[in-house]
Amino acid sequence: MPLYTIATQAGSLPSSAKEALAARITELHVTMAKLPASWVHILFEDYPTGNGFSAGKPAAMVALTLTIRTGRSTEYKRALLAALWGLLQTATGAADDQIVIGIQEVAPSQAMEMGSVMPDVS
């Protein structure tokens, strides 16, 4: 179920860099969560120049939102966040004050994939 949505300023991340980042994120999630790669989904969204802001000023922000099933430990989520931060920073070259990452959790009973309600985290 993991659904990664990554927003970057248009033109800041070429298609080849998006593909490489998606491969690294998939590998990370498969390794940490012990689930098949086919469950990892990544969506890139480009926003027009002038539509990203930090501290009220225009900025080429990088935002990653991850939706996962509830049930993972705090330690797991902190380790995942730290690893994702490094991957994003390497891929985009963005400064610390230009990256935002958040995890949203959903009950497995409230998500479907491949035509089935998601199982609980084991």
N, C-alpha and C. Protein backbone atom coordinates (compact mmCIF):
# COMPACT_ATOMS: atom_id res chain seq x y z
N MET A 1 0.79 -1.20 0.00
CA MET A 1 0.00 0.00 0.00
C MET A 1 0.82 1.25 0.00
N PRO A 2 2.06 1.25 0.39
CA PRO A 2 2.69 2.56 0.52
C PRO A 2 2.51 3.39 -0.74
N LEU A 3 2.02 4.60 -0.53
CA LEU A 3 1.84 5.54 -1.63
C LEU A 3 2.67 6.78 -1.32
N TYR A 4 3.68 6.98 -2.12
CA TYR A 4 4.55 8.15 -2.00
C TYR A 4 4.10 9.19 -3.01
N THR A 5 3.86 10.40 -2.55
CA THR A 5 3.57 11.52 -3.43
C THR A 5 4.69 12.53 -3.23
N ILE A 6 5.39 12.83 -4.32
CA ILE A 6 6.55 13.71 -4.24
C ILE A 6 6.29 14.91 -5.14
N ALA A 7 6.29 16.10 -4.53
CA ALA A 7 6.06 17.34 -5.27
C ALA A 7 7.37 18.11 -5.39
N THR A 8 7.68 18.50 -6.62
CA THR A 8 8.87 19.30 -6.89
C THR A 8 8.51 20.40 -7.88
N GLN A 9 9.30 21.44 -7.88
CA GLN A 9 9.10 22.52 -8.84
C GLN A 9 9.37 21.99 -10.25
N ALA A 10 8.50 22.34 -11.18
CA ALA A 10 8.64 21.88 -12.56
C ALA A 10 10.04 22.17 -13.09
N GLY A 11 10.63 21.16 -13.71
CA GLY A 11 11.94 21.31 -14.30
C GLY A 11 13.10 21.05 -13.37
N SER A 12 12.82 20.90 -12.07
CA SER A 12 13.93 20.71 -11.12
C SER A 12 14.41 19.27 -11.04
N LEU A 13 13.61 18.34 -11.49
CA LEU A 13 13.96 16.93 -11.43
C LEU A 13 13.61 16.27 -12.76
N PRO A 14 14.61 16.00 -13.61
CA PRO A 14 14.30 15.37 -14.90
C PRO A 14 13.74 13.96 -14.73
N SER A 15 13.12 13.46 -15.79
CA SER A 15 12.49 12.13 -15.74
C SER A 15 13.47 11.05 -15.31
N SER A 16 14.70 11.12 -15.77
CA SER A 16 15.68 10.09 -15.40
C SER A 16 15.97 10.13 -13.90
N ALA A 17 16.00 11.31 -13.31
CA ALA A 17 16.23 11.44 -11.87
C ALA A 17 15.01 10.93 -11.09
N LYS A 18 13.82 11.18 -11.61
CA LYS A 18 12.60 10.68 -10.97
C LYS A 18 12.61 9.15 -10.97
N GLU A 19 12.99 8.57 -12.10
CA GLU A 19 13.03 7.11 -12.21
C GLU A 19 14.05 6.52 -11.24
N ALA A 20 15.21 7.14 -11.15
CA ALA A 20 16.25 6.65 -10.22
C ALA A 20 15.79 6.79 -8.77
N LEU A 21 15.16 7.93 -8.44
CA LEU A 21 14.67 8.13 -7.08
C LEU A 21 13.57 7.12 -6.75
N ALA A 22 12.68 6.89 -7.69
CA ALA A 22 11.61 5.91 -7.46
C ALA A 22 12.18 4.52 -7.20
N ALA A 23 13.23 4.15 -7.93
CA ALA A 23 13.86 2.84 -7.73
C ALA A 23 14.48 2.76 -6.34
N ARG A 24 15.14 3.83 -5.91
CA ARG A 24 15.78 3.83 -4.57
C ARG A 24 14.74 3.78 -3.46
N ILE A 25 13.67 4.55 -3.61
CA ILE A 25 12.61 4.54 -2.59
C ILE A 25 11.96 3.16 -2.53
N THR A 26 11.69 2.57 -3.68
CA THR A 26 11.09 1.23 -3.71
C THR A 26 11.99 0.23 -3.00
N GLU A 27 13.27 0.26 -3.32
CA GLU A 27 14.23 -0.65 -2.68
C GLU A 27 14.26 -0.45 -1.17
N LEU A 28 14.27 0.81 -0.74
CA LEU A 28 14.26 1.11 0.69
C LEU A 28 13.01 0.55 1.36
N HIS A 29 11.86 0.81 0.77
CA HIS A 29 10.62 0.37 1.40
C HIS A 29 10.50 -1.15 1.43
N VAL A 30 10.89 -1.79 0.35
CA VAL A 30 10.85 -3.27 0.30
C VAL A 30 11.76 -3.85 1.38
N THR A 31 12.93 -3.27 1.54
CA THR A 31 13.89 -3.76 2.53
C THR A 31 13.37 -3.55 3.95
N MET A 32 12.86 -2.36 4.22
CA MET A 32 12.41 -2.05 5.58
C MET A 32 11.10 -2.74 5.95
N ALA A 33 10.15 -2.76 5.03
CA ALA A 33 8.81 -3.27 5.34
C ALA A 33 8.63 -4.75 5.03
N LYS A 34 9.60 -5.32 4.31
CA LYS A 34 9.52 -6.74 3.95
C LYS A 34 8.23 -7.04 3.18
N LEU A 35 8.01 -6.25 2.13
CA LEU A 35 6.84 -6.48 1.29
C LEU A 35 7.25 -6.45 -0.17
N PRO A 36 6.41 -6.96 -1.05
CA PRO A 36 6.76 -7.02 -2.48
C PRO A 36 6.85 -5.62 -3.09
N ALA A 37 7.75 -5.46 -4.04
CA ALA A 37 7.91 -4.17 -4.73
C ALA A 37 6.62 -3.74 -5.41
N SER A 38 5.79 -4.69 -5.81
CA SER A 38 4.54 -4.36 -6.50
C SER A 38 3.56 -3.59 -5.61
N TRP A 39 3.81 -3.55 -4.31
CA TRP A 39 2.94 -2.81 -3.39
C TRP A 39 3.37 -1.36 -3.23
N VAL A 40 4.56 -1.02 -3.70
CA VAL A 40 5.09 0.34 -3.52
C VAL A 40 4.70 1.20 -4.72
N HIS A 41 4.03 2.31 -4.44
CA HIS A 41 3.56 3.22 -5.49
C HIS A 41 4.14 4.61 -5.25
N ILE A 42 4.59 5.24 -6.34
CA ILE A 42 5.22 6.55 -6.23
C ILE A 42 4.64 7.45 -7.32
N LEU A 43 4.19 8.61 -6.91
CA LEU A 43 3.60 9.58 -7.83
C LEU A 43 4.36 10.89 -7.71
N PHE A 44 4.88 11.38 -8.81
CA PHE A 44 5.55 12.68 -8.84
C PHE A 44 4.56 13.73 -9.33
N GLU A 45 4.54 14.85 -8.65
CA GLU A 45 3.73 15.99 -9.06
C GLU A 45 4.65 17.18 -9.22
N ASP A 46 4.59 17.84 -10.37
CA ASP A 46 5.36 19.05 -10.61
C ASP A 46 4.46 20.25 -10.40
N TYR A 47 4.96 21.25 -9.70
CA TYR A 47 4.19 22.48 -9.54
C TYR A 47 4.93 23.61 -10.27
N PRO A 48 4.19 24.57 -10.81
CA PRO A 48 4.82 25.65 -11.57
C PRO A 48 5.73 26.53 -10.71
N THR A 49 6.78 27.04 -11.33
CA THR A 49 7.67 27.99 -10.65
C THR A 49 6.81 29.12 -10.08
N GLY A 50 7.13 29.51 -8.85
CA GLY A 50 6.37 30.56 -8.18
C GLY A 50 5.23 30.05 -7.35
N ASN A 51 4.99 28.73 -7.35
CA ASN A 51 3.91 28.15 -6.56
C ASN A 51 4.39 27.42 -5.31
N GLY A 52 5.69 27.47 -5.04
CA GLY A 52 6.24 26.88 -3.82
C GLY A 52 6.76 27.99 -2.92
N PHE A 53 6.52 27.86 -1.62
CA PHE A 53 6.93 28.89 -0.67
C PHE A 53 7.47 28.26 0.60
N SER A 54 8.45 28.92 1.19
CA SER A 54 8.99 28.54 2.49
C SER A 54 9.20 29.82 3.27
N ALA A 55 8.70 29.86 4.49
CA ALA A 55 8.78 31.05 5.34
C ALA A 55 8.17 32.26 4.63
N GLY A 56 7.14 32.00 3.81
CA GLY A 56 6.43 33.08 3.13
C GLY A 56 7.13 33.62 1.89
N LYS A 57 8.22 32.98 1.49
CA LYS A 57 8.97 33.46 0.33
C LYS A 57 9.03 32.36 -0.73
N PRO A 58 9.06 32.76 -2.02
CA PRO A 58 9.14 31.74 -3.08
C PRO A 58 10.34 30.82 -2.87
N ALA A 59 10.12 29.54 -3.07
CA ALA A 59 11.17 28.54 -2.88
C ALA A 59 10.87 27.30 -3.71
N ALA A 60 11.91 26.65 -4.16
CA ALA A 60 11.77 25.39 -4.90
C ALA A 60 11.68 24.25 -3.90
N MET A 61 10.55 24.16 -3.22
CA MET A 61 10.33 23.16 -2.19
C MET A 61 10.28 21.75 -2.76
N VAL A 62 10.68 20.79 -1.93
CA VAL A 62 10.52 19.37 -2.21
C VAL A 62 9.66 18.82 -1.08
N ALA A 63 8.50 18.28 -1.43
CA ALA A 63 7.59 17.76 -0.41
C ALA A 63 7.28 16.30 -0.71
N LEU A 64 7.41 15.47 0.29
CA LEU A 64 7.09 14.05 0.16
C LEU A 64 6.05 13.71 1.21
N THR A 65 4.95 13.13 0.75
CA THR A 65 3.92 12.63 1.66
C THR A 65 3.83 11.13 1.43
N LEU A 66 3.93 10.38 2.50
CA LEU A 66 3.85 8.93 2.44
C LEU A 66 2.60 8.47 3.16
N THR A 67 1.77 7.72 2.48
CA THR A 67 0.59 7.11 3.10
C THR A 67 0.89 5.63 3.30
N ILE A 68 0.81 5.19 4.56
CA ILE A 68 1.05 3.79 4.90
C ILE A 68 -0.05 3.28 5.83
N ARG A 69 -0.10 1.98 5.98
CA ARG A 69 -1.04 1.38 6.92
C ARG A 69 -0.56 1.63 8.35
N THR A 70 -1.50 1.79 9.26
CA THR A 70 -1.14 1.90 10.68
C THR A 70 -0.53 0.59 11.15
N GLY A 71 0.26 0.67 12.20
CA GLY A 71 0.81 -0.54 12.80
C GLY A 71 2.32 -0.57 12.87
N ARG A 72 2.99 0.38 12.26
CA ARG A 72 4.46 0.42 12.32
C ARG A 72 4.90 1.16 13.57
N SER A 73 6.04 0.76 14.10
CA SER A 73 6.55 1.38 15.33
C SER A 73 7.08 2.78 15.05
N THR A 74 7.19 3.57 16.11
CA THR A 74 7.78 4.90 16.01
C THR A 74 9.21 4.80 15.52
N GLU A 75 9.96 3.82 15.99
CA GLU A 75 11.35 3.65 15.57
C GLU A 75 11.43 3.37 14.07
N TYR A 76 10.55 2.53 13.59
CA TYR A 76 10.50 2.21 12.16
C TYR A 76 10.26 3.49 11.35
N LYS A 77 9.26 4.26 11.75
CA LYS A 77 8.90 5.47 11.00
C LYS A 77 10.03 6.51 11.06
N ARG A 78 10.69 6.64 12.19
CA ARG A 78 11.81 7.59 12.28
C ARG A 78 12.96 7.16 11.38
N ALA A 79 13.26 5.89 11.36
CA ALA A 79 14.34 5.39 10.49
C ALA A 79 13.97 5.58 9.01
N LEU A 80 12.72 5.34 8.68
CA LEU A 80 12.26 5.53 7.31
C LEU A 80 12.36 7.01 6.92
N LEU A 81 11.92 7.90 7.79
CA LEU A 81 12.01 9.34 7.51
C LEU A 81 13.45 9.77 7.27
N ALA A 82 14.35 9.32 8.12
CA ALA A 82 15.76 9.70 7.97
C ALA A 82 16.33 9.21 6.64
N ALA A 83 16.00 7.98 6.28
CA ALA A 83 16.50 7.43 5.02
C ALA A 83 15.90 8.17 3.83
N LEU A 84 14.61 8.47 3.90
CA LEU A 84 13.96 9.21 2.81
C LEU A 84 14.55 10.60 2.65
N TRP A 85 14.85 11.24 3.79
CA TRP A 85 15.45 12.58 3.75
C TRP A 85 16.75 12.54 2.94
N GLY A 86 17.58 11.58 3.23
CA GLY A 86 18.85 11.45 2.52
C GLY A 86 18.65 11.20 1.03
N LEU A 87 17.70 10.33 0.69
CA LEU A 87 17.43 10.05 -0.72
C LEU A 87 16.94 11.28 -1.45
N LEU A 88 16.02 12.02 -0.82
CA LEU A 88 15.49 13.23 -1.45
C LEU A 88 16.56 14.30 -1.62
N GLN A 89 17.36 14.48 -0.59
CA GLN A 89 18.39 15.51 -0.65
C GLN A 89 19.43 15.18 -1.72
N THR A 90 19.81 13.93 -1.80
CA THR A 90 20.77 13.52 -2.82
C THR A 90 20.19 13.70 -4.23
N ALA A 91 18.94 13.32 -4.42
CA ALA A 91 18.32 13.38 -5.74
C ALA A 91 18.05 14.81 -6.21
N THR A 92 17.70 15.69 -5.26
CA THR A 92 17.27 17.03 -5.64
C THR A 92 18.31 18.11 -5.38
N GLY A 93 19.24 17.85 -4.47
CA GLY A 93 20.19 18.88 -4.09
C GLY A 93 19.57 19.97 -3.23
N ALA A 94 18.35 19.75 -2.75
CA ALA A 94 17.64 20.74 -1.95
C ALA A 94 18.29 20.90 -0.57
N ALA A 95 18.26 22.11 -0.07
CA ALA A 95 18.76 22.40 1.28
C ALA A 95 17.76 21.88 2.32
N ASP A 96 18.23 21.70 3.54
CA ASP A 96 17.37 21.20 4.61
C ASP A 96 16.09 22.02 4.77
N ASP A 97 16.19 23.34 4.61
CA ASP A 97 15.01 24.18 4.81
C ASP A 97 14.07 24.19 3.60
N GLN A 98 14.37 23.36 2.60
CA GLN A 98 13.53 23.27 1.42
C GLN A 98 12.88 21.89 1.25
N ILE A 99 13.06 21.01 2.25
CA ILE A 99 12.51 19.66 2.19
C ILE A 99 11.51 19.46 3.33
N VAL A 100 10.37 18.89 3.00
CA VAL A 100 9.35 18.55 3.99
C VAL A 100 8.89 17.12 3.70
N ILE A 101 8.85 16.30 4.75
CA ILE A 101 8.38 14.92 4.61
C ILE A 101 7.35 14.66 5.70
N GLY A 102 6.28 14.00 5.34
CA GLY A 102 5.26 13.63 6.32
C GLY A 102 4.72 12.24 6.04
N ILE A 103 4.39 11.55 7.12
CA ILE A 103 3.77 10.23 7.00
C ILE A 103 2.32 10.35 7.45
N GLN A 104 1.44 9.86 6.61
CA GLN A 104 0.03 9.76 6.95
C GLN A 104 -0.30 8.28 7.09
N GLU A 105 -1.05 7.94 8.13
CA GLU A 105 -1.39 6.53 8.34
C GLU A 105 -2.89 6.31 8.16
N VAL A 106 -3.20 5.18 7.58
CA VAL A 106 -4.58 4.80 7.35
C VAL A 106 -4.78 3.37 7.87
N ALA A 107 -5.93 3.14 8.48
CA ALA A 107 -6.23 1.78 8.95
C ALA A 107 -6.28 0.84 7.75
N PRO A 108 -5.69 -0.34 7.86
CA PRO A 108 -5.71 -1.29 6.73
C PRO A 108 -7.12 -1.55 6.22
N SER A 109 -8.09 -1.54 7.11
CA SER A 109 -9.48 -1.81 6.70
C SER A 109 -10.06 -0.68 5.86
N GLN A 110 -9.33 0.43 5.75
CA GLN A 110 -9.82 1.58 4.99
C GLN A 110 -9.01 1.80 3.71
N ALA A 111 -8.31 0.76 3.25
CA ALA A 111 -7.52 0.88 2.03
C ALA A 111 -7.64 -0.41 1.22
N MET A 112 -7.60 -0.24 -0.09
CA MET A 112 -7.65 -1.40 -0.99
C MET A 112 -6.51 -1.32 -1.98
N GLU A 113 -6.04 -2.49 -2.36
CA GLU A 113 -5.04 -2.60 -3.40
C GLU A 113 -5.23 -3.93 -4.09
N MET A 114 -5.06 -3.93 -5.40
CA MET A 114 -5.20 -5.14 -6.20
C MET A 114 -6.55 -5.81 -5.96
N GLY A 115 -7.58 -5.01 -5.71
CA GLY A 115 -8.93 -5.51 -5.54
C GLY A 115 -9.26 -6.08 -4.18
N SER A 116 -8.34 -5.95 -3.21
CA SER A 116 -8.57 -6.50 -1.88
C SER A 116 -8.33 -5.45 -0.81
N VAL A 117 -9.10 -5.57 0.27
CA VAL A 117 -8.85 -4.73 1.44
C VAL A 117 -7.49 -5.12 1.99
N MET A 118 -6.72 -4.13 2.41
CA MET A 118 -5.36 -4.37 2.87
C MET A 118 -5.34 -5.19 4.17
N PRO A 119 -4.36 -6.07 4.31
CA PRO A 119 -4.22 -6.83 5.55
C PRO A 119 -3.55 -5.95 6.63
N ASP A 120 -3.71 -6.35 7.86
CA ASP A 120 -3.02 -5.67 8.96
C ASP A 120 -1.52 -5.83 8.78
N VAL A 121 -0.76 -4.87 9.33
CA VAL A 121 0.70 -4.96 9.32
C VAL A 121 1.09 -6.12 10.22
N SER A 122 1.99 -6.97 9.72
CA SER A 122 2.42 -8.12 10.55
C SER A 122 3.80 -7.91 11.09
